[in-house]
Structures are given as structure tokens and as C-alpha cells.
Protein backbone atom coordinates (compact mmCIF):
# COMPACT_ATOMS: atom_id res chain seq x y z
CA UNK A 1 32.51 113.33 56.25
CA UNK A 2 34.71 113.94 59.30
CA UNK A 3 31.84 113.00 61.61
CA UNK A 4 31.28 109.75 59.68
CA UNK A 5 34.97 108.87 60.00
CA UNK A 6 34.74 109.60 63.72
CA UNK A 7 31.83 107.16 64.09
CA UNK A 8 33.79 104.38 62.37
CA UNK A 9 36.75 105.22 64.59
CA UNK A 10 34.47 104.84 67.65
CA UNK A 11 33.65 101.29 66.54
CA UNK A 12 37.26 100.38 67.35
CA UNK A 13 36.91 101.59 70.99
CA UNK A 14 39.95 103.89 70.75
CA UNK A 15 40.18 104.58 74.50
CA UNK A 16 40.48 100.87 75.22
CA UNK A 17 42.89 100.44 72.33
CA UNK A 18 45.18 103.13 73.74
CA UNK A 19 45.94 100.83 76.67
CA UNK A 20 46.26 97.77 74.42
CA UNK A 21 48.68 99.56 72.10
CA UNK A 22 50.70 100.82 75.06
CA UNK A 23 51.03 97.27 76.38
CA UNK A 24 52.34 96.25 72.95
CA UNK A 25 54.80 99.15 72.98
CA UNK A 26 56.01 98.01 76.41
CA UNK A 27 56.81 94.58 75.01
CA UNK A 28 58.65 96.12 72.04
CA UNK A 29 60.68 98.31 74.38
CA UNK A 30 61.64 95.32 76.56
CA UNK A 31 62.48 93.16 73.54
CA UNK A 32 64.58 96.00 72.19
CA UNK A 33 65.31 95.04 68.58
CA UNK A 34 62.96 97.64 67.06
CA UNK A 35 64.08 100.56 69.23
CA UNK A 36 66.48 101.57 66.46
CA UNK A 37 63.93 100.90 63.72
CA UNK A 38 61.28 103.53 64.46
CA UNK A 39 59.27 102.86 61.29
CA UNK A 40 58.90 99.17 62.13
CA UNK A 41 58.18 100.02 65.77
CA UNK A 42 55.31 102.28 64.69
CA UNK A 43 54.09 99.78 62.08
CA UNK A 44 53.81 97.06 64.72
CA UNK A 45 51.71 99.33 66.92
CA UNK A 46 49.51 100.33 63.97
CA UNK A 47 48.94 96.63 63.27
CA UNK A 48 48.01 96.06 66.93
CA UNK A 49 45.58 98.97 66.80
CA UNK A 50 43.96 97.70 63.61
CA UNK A 51 43.61 94.09 64.71
CA UNK A 52 42.44 94.97 68.22
CA UNK A 53 40.15 97.62 66.81
CA UNK A 54 38.71 95.06 64.41
CA UNK A 55 37.87 92.73 67.31
CA UNK A 56 36.19 95.60 69.17
CA UNK A 57 34.25 96.68 66.09
CA UNK A 58 33.02 93.13 65.46
CA UNK A 59 32.03 92.96 69.13
CA UNK A 60 29.92 96.09 68.67
CA UNK A 61 28.41 94.69 65.46
CA UNK A 62 27.32 91.46 67.14
CA UNK A 63 26.08 93.24 70.28
CA UNK A 64 24.31 96.15 68.55
CA UNK A 65 20.85 95.06 69.76
CA UNK A 66 22.09 94.54 73.34
CA UNK A 67 23.90 97.89 73.29
CA UNK A 68 20.67 99.61 72.25
CA UNK A 69 18.99 98.33 75.44
CA UNK A 70 21.77 99.30 77.86
CA UNK A 71 21.93 102.77 79.34
CA UNK A 72 25.73 102.63 79.37
CA UNK A 73 25.99 102.16 75.60
CA UNK A 74 22.68 103.18 73.95
CA UNK A 75 23.65 106.82 73.48
CA UNK A 76 27.40 106.38 73.16
CA UNK A 77 27.98 103.77 70.44
CA UNK A 78 27.38 104.48 66.76
CA UNK A 79 25.32 101.39 65.88
CA UNK A 80 22.60 101.74 68.55
CA UNK A 81 22.58 105.47 67.80
CA UNK A 82 21.96 104.53 64.13
CA UNK A 83 24.84 106.65 62.90
CA UNK A 84 25.71 103.95 60.36
CA UNK A 85 24.27 100.78 58.89
CA UNK A 86 25.16 97.40 60.33
CA UNK A 87 26.49 96.07 57.00
CA UNK A 88 29.01 98.92 56.47
CA UNK A 89 30.10 98.43 60.10
CA UNK A 90 30.68 94.73 59.44
CA UNK A 91 32.68 95.41 56.25
CA UNK A 92 34.78 98.03 58.05
CA UNK A 93 35.44 95.68 60.97
CA UNK A 94 36.68 92.91 58.67
CA UNK A 95 38.71 95.28 56.46
CA UNK A 96 40.72 96.90 59.25
CA UNK A 97 41.38 93.49 60.80
CA UNK A 98 42.69 92.05 57.55
CA UNK A 99 44.86 95.12 57.01
CA UNK A 100 46.41 94.70 60.46
CA UNK A 101 47.02 90.99 59.90
CA UNK A 102 48.68 91.70 56.53
CA UNK A 103 50.95 94.34 58.07
CA UNK A 104 52.11 91.77 60.63
CA UNK A 105 52.58 89.17 57.89
CA UNK A 106 54.40 91.19 55.23
CA UNK A 107 56.48 93.52 57.40
CA UNK A 108 57.25 91.14 60.27
CA UNK A 109 56.35 87.43 60.16
CA UNK A 110 53.32 85.23 59.56
CA UNK A 111 53.62 83.81 63.06
CA UNK A 112 52.55 87.17 64.51
CA UNK A 113 49.94 87.54 61.76
CA UNK A 114 48.29 84.24 62.68
CA UNK A 115 48.38 85.13 66.38
CA UNK A 116 46.61 88.42 65.66
CA UNK A 117 44.02 86.70 63.47
CA UNK A 118 43.37 84.12 66.18
CA UNK A 119 42.95 86.93 68.72
CA UNK A 120 40.36 88.68 66.53
CA UNK A 121 38.37 85.46 66.11
CA UNK A 122 38.68 84.53 69.78
CA UNK A 123 37.34 87.87 71.01
CA UNK A 124 34.74 88.65 68.36
CA UNK A 125 33.30 85.15 68.02
CA UNK A 126 34.18 82.93 71.01
CA UNK A 127 34.03 85.62 73.71
CA UNK A 128 31.21 87.75 72.30
CA UNK A 129 28.89 85.01 71.04
CA UNK A 130 29.66 82.08 73.37
CA UNK A 131 31.36 83.11 76.62
CA UNK A 132 29.69 86.43 77.38
CA UNK A 133 26.09 85.15 77.19
CA UNK A 134 26.75 81.88 79.06
CA UNK A 135 29.24 82.18 81.94
CA UNK A 136 29.96 84.71 84.71
CA UNK A 137 33.66 83.99 84.15
CA UNK A 138 33.43 85.38 80.61
CA UNK A 139 35.77 88.28 81.30
CA UNK A 140 38.36 86.03 82.98
CA UNK A 141 38.66 83.86 79.87
CA UNK A 142 37.88 86.56 77.32
CA UNK A 143 40.46 88.86 78.88
CA UNK A 144 43.12 86.73 77.19
CA UNK A 145 42.33 88.53 73.93
CA UNK A 146 43.07 91.95 75.37
CA UNK A 147 46.25 90.62 76.96
CA UNK A 148 47.74 89.25 73.73
CA UNK A 149 49.21 92.52 72.42
CA UNK A 150 52.56 92.11 74.25
CA UNK A 151 52.91 88.53 72.98
CA UNK A 152 51.98 89.47 69.42
CA UNK A 153 54.38 92.42 69.36
CA UNK A 154 57.20 90.35 70.84
CA UNK A 155 56.71 87.65 68.22
CA UNK A 156 56.55 90.29 65.48
CA UNK A 157 59.89 91.75 66.59
CA UNK A 158 61.75 88.54 67.41
CA UNK A 159 59.94 85.73 65.60
CA UNK A 160 59.66 83.75 68.83
CA UNK A 161 57.88 83.61 72.20
CA UNK A 162 59.44 84.81 75.46
CA UNK A 163 58.77 84.49 79.18
CA UNK A 164 58.97 88.30 79.41
CA UNK A 165 56.05 88.68 77.00
CA UNK A 166 53.98 86.02 78.79
CA UNK A 167 54.51 87.76 82.13
CA UNK A 168 53.17 90.96 80.58
CA UNK A 169 50.28 88.89 79.25
CA UNK A 170 49.57 87.59 82.76
CA UNK A 171 49.63 91.07 84.26
CA UNK A 172 46.96 92.31 81.85
CA UNK A 173 44.96 89.07 82.13
CA UNK A 174 44.81 89.28 85.94
CA UNK A 175 44.24 93.04 85.91
CA UNK A 176 41.15 92.71 83.71
CA UNK A 177 38.70 91.04 86.18
CA UNK A 178 39.08 93.58 89.02
CA UNK A 179 38.97 96.41 86.49
CA UNK A 180 35.90 95.14 84.65
CA UNK A 181 33.96 93.71 87.60
CA UNK A 182 34.12 97.08 89.38
CA UNK A 183 32.45 98.56 86.29
CA UNK A 184 29.99 95.67 86.00
CA UNK A 185 28.89 96.18 89.61
CA UNK A 186 28.36 99.88 88.93
CA UNK A 187 26.20 99.08 85.89
CA UNK A 188 24.66 95.90 87.29
CA UNK A 189 21.08 96.90 86.40
CA UNK A 190 22.10 97.30 82.75
CA UNK A 191 23.38 93.74 82.60
CA UNK A 192 20.32 92.43 84.44
CA UNK A 193 18.07 94.16 81.91
CA UNK A 194 19.70 92.40 78.95
CA UNK A 195 20.16 89.10 80.86
CA UNK A 196 23.93 88.91 80.47
CA UNK A 197 25.39 86.64 83.21
CA UNK A 198 28.04 89.00 84.51
CA UNK A 199 29.61 88.05 87.83
CA UNK A 200 27.62 90.54 89.96
CA UNK A 201 24.35 89.43 88.34
CA UNK A 202 24.93 85.69 88.78
CA UNK A 203 27.05 85.48 91.95
CA UNK A 204 26.02 88.69 93.70
CA UNK A 205 28.05 91.66 94.88
CA UNK A 206 29.68 90.00 97.89
CA UNK A 207 31.18 87.10 95.93
CA UNK A 208 32.22 89.45 93.13
CA UNK A 209 34.06 91.68 95.60
CA UNK A 210 35.81 88.63 97.07
CA UNK A 211 36.90 87.66 93.56
CA UNK A 212 38.18 91.19 92.98
CA UNK A 213 40.39 90.93 96.06
CA UNK A 214 41.70 87.49 95.02
CA UNK A 215 42.58 88.64 91.50
CA UNK A 216 44.17 91.80 92.90
CA UNK A 217 46.53 89.68 95.02
CA UNK A 218 47.36 87.47 92.04
CA UNK A 219 48.04 90.58 89.95
CA UNK A 220 50.44 92.03 92.51
CA UNK A 221 52.22 88.66 92.82
CA UNK A 222 52.82 88.49 89.06
CA UNK A 223 54.05 92.08 88.91
CA UNK A 224 56.68 91.17 91.50
CA UNK A 225 57.58 88.05 89.53
CA UNK A 226 58.59 90.41 86.71
CA UNK A 227 61.72 91.12 88.75
CA UNK A 228 63.23 87.92 87.33
CA UNK A 229 63.67 89.85 84.08
CA UNK A 230 67.31 91.05 84.08
CA UNK A 231 66.44 94.44 82.56
CA UNK A 232 64.18 95.37 85.48
CA UNK A 233 65.65 96.49 88.78
CA UNK A 234 65.04 98.49 91.93
CA UNK A 235 63.03 101.27 90.28
CA UNK A 236 60.49 98.79 88.95
CA UNK A 237 60.50 96.80 92.20
CA UNK A 238 59.66 99.83 94.35
CA UNK A 239 57.07 101.11 91.87
CA UNK A 240 55.31 97.75 91.60
CA UNK A 241 55.15 97.45 95.41
CA UNK A 242 53.72 100.95 95.88
CA UNK A 243 51.27 100.67 92.99
CA UNK A 244 50.23 97.18 94.09
CA UNK A 245 49.68 98.27 97.69
CA UNK A 246 47.39 101.06 96.48
CA UNK A 247 45.52 98.61 94.22
CA UNK A 248 44.96 96.23 97.13
CA UNK A 249 43.84 99.09 99.34
CA UNK A 250 41.24 100.13 96.74
CA UNK A 251 40.08 96.51 96.39
CA UNK A 252 39.67 96.01 100.14
CA UNK A 253 37.82 99.31 100.48
CA UNK A 254 35.46 98.27 97.69
CA UNK A 255 34.84 94.95 99.46
CA UNK A 256 34.34 96.59 102.84
CA UNK A 257 31.90 99.29 101.74
CA UNK A 258 30.60 98.02 98.37
CA UNK A 259 29.32 101.46 97.38
CA UNK A 260 29.47 103.10 93.95
CA UNK A 261 32.02 105.60 95.24
CA UNK A 262 34.53 102.86 96.05
CA UNK A 263 33.75 100.96 92.85
CA UNK A 264 34.36 104.03 90.69
CA UNK A 265 37.54 104.77 92.62
CA UNK A 266 38.84 101.23 92.02
CA UNK A 267 37.88 101.32 88.34
CA UNK A 268 39.58 104.67 87.70
CA UNK A 269 42.67 103.76 89.69
CA UNK A 270 43.02 100.46 87.83
CA UNK A 271 43.51 102.39 84.57
CA UNK A 272 46.10 104.71 86.12
CA UNK A 273 47.75 101.69 87.76
CA UNK A 274 48.32 99.83 84.51
CA UNK A 275 49.52 102.87 82.57
CA UNK A 276 52.01 103.82 85.29
CA UNK A 277 53.21 100.23 85.79
CA UNK A 278 53.83 99.76 82.06
CA UNK A 279 55.56 103.15 81.89
CA UNK A 280 57.93 102.14 84.68
CA UNK A 281 58.68 98.86 82.88
CA UNK A 282 59.61 100.82 79.75
CA UNK A 283 61.76 103.32 81.65
CA UNK A 284 63.52 100.76 83.85
CA UNK A 285 63.86 98.31 80.97
CA UNK A 286 65.59 100.58 78.46
CA UNK A 287 67.46 103.15 80.56
């Protein structure tokens, strides 16, 4: 029973969702109105986890045949491992998504509920079924879904949009291509085998590495733009400069050498980078 629950939990890609939920928590901390309402704060993050997890689970449902043919996923994801049937996986994916949408709607507002529903549909249908199989810029456009958590949480807490939330959105949106393309280059043969037009497969490693550097610069520029937010000050400014300089250094090293060692280093650092950057935003924003 516990193992079965664990397999359904894996459908939601919990490691990815940890970062998504943390980005939502960052927005809630900056917005501030739920800091003294811990139950609502937690409920908003649960709703983000459920809706984002639903999108990830639907992605795994639609890509179950592709995942079975990729070394990276064949022995790690429950559907290609045949740990559950595809129909129960589909029902679970829809159920958790609807539950998350309803939490947003009944406990917060229907504006945030509709945003979360649109995000689920965008990622699971438009990105998975249309963008990913047809364009090497799939992750650039599709990354918008993973970047929506701060916007959705801000709207849930305040009932309106904010420049602060959209800047957080931009940070995650611009962070996604360097992060993912480093991984895609590492597993390039997997994507070639299943004929998915990822950037390294279609454009080659050199052009992909150039794109990584460009997006890294754009990312650092937006992180510095966050200084227009009154709540953020010198602590965030110094941290974003140091973290950004290290990110650029990793990107340039990956472009210069193009080896798996540098790609793995960039990929791993990108995760640390975003967690630390968001943590500093929370600390500098509420202290």
C-alpha cells in the first residue's frame, strides 16, 4: 500500500515541485498578507503542489511510451516501469489537479483558481503534446508553466497581479533554459533516440551553449532589476551579484569546454542558485 502511494507521488515529480512550491512561498512572503495566517499560507502551497503535480502527472501519462524508450526515465518513472495502469494514473492526475484548483477557488479566489487551471492545461496539453514534439524552443515557451507559481500565489493572497510577482516569474522563466539545456545536452542521445527536437539535437551543442550564455545574462539582469522592489536591499543586491557571477562563470566554462563535467556542474549549480536566490529574497524581504 505504502509503495503504491509512493508511485503515485512520483507521478507528481516531487523534487521538481519542491522548487516550484518554494517559488510560490517566496511570492507569499514578499506579498506579506498571509504571513500572519499560517493555515492559509500552507493551504496556498498545498494547492500549488497539487496543481503543479497534476500537470507533471499528466505529462508523464502522455509521455509514458517515450519515457519507456529513454534511458533517463525508463527505470525511474512508475508508468514505464509498469508499477500502475495508465488509466488510474490519468484519473489520479485529474483528481489532484481539480482538488488544487478548488482549494484556490474556495479558500482564496476564483481568479487564482482559473490561473492554476490554465497552467495545468498549458503544460500538460500545449507544452507536452504540441510544443515539445515540434520546436527546439519548447522549454523556453513551456517554462512559463513552471514559472507561474509566484503569480498564482500572489493572486491567491491579494486578488490582483503585481510587478513583484511578474519579476519572480521572469527569473524562473529565464533560469529554465540554461538549467534544462545543460541536462538535455548531457542526455542528448536519449532525445535523439525518441526524435524529440530538443535544442542540442536540432541546433547542435555549440549553438545551444551560446543560448545558455545569452539566457544566463538575461537571468542575471532580471535578478538585479528586482532591486526596484522596496522590500529588497543591500543583502539581496550583493547576493544576486555573487550568485549571478558564479552562474555566468559556470555557463562560460560549459561553452568553452562543452564536456559532461561542465554540463553537470552547471545543472547542479543552477538548482542551488535558484534555491539560495529565493531564500535571500525571503530573508531580505521580510526581515
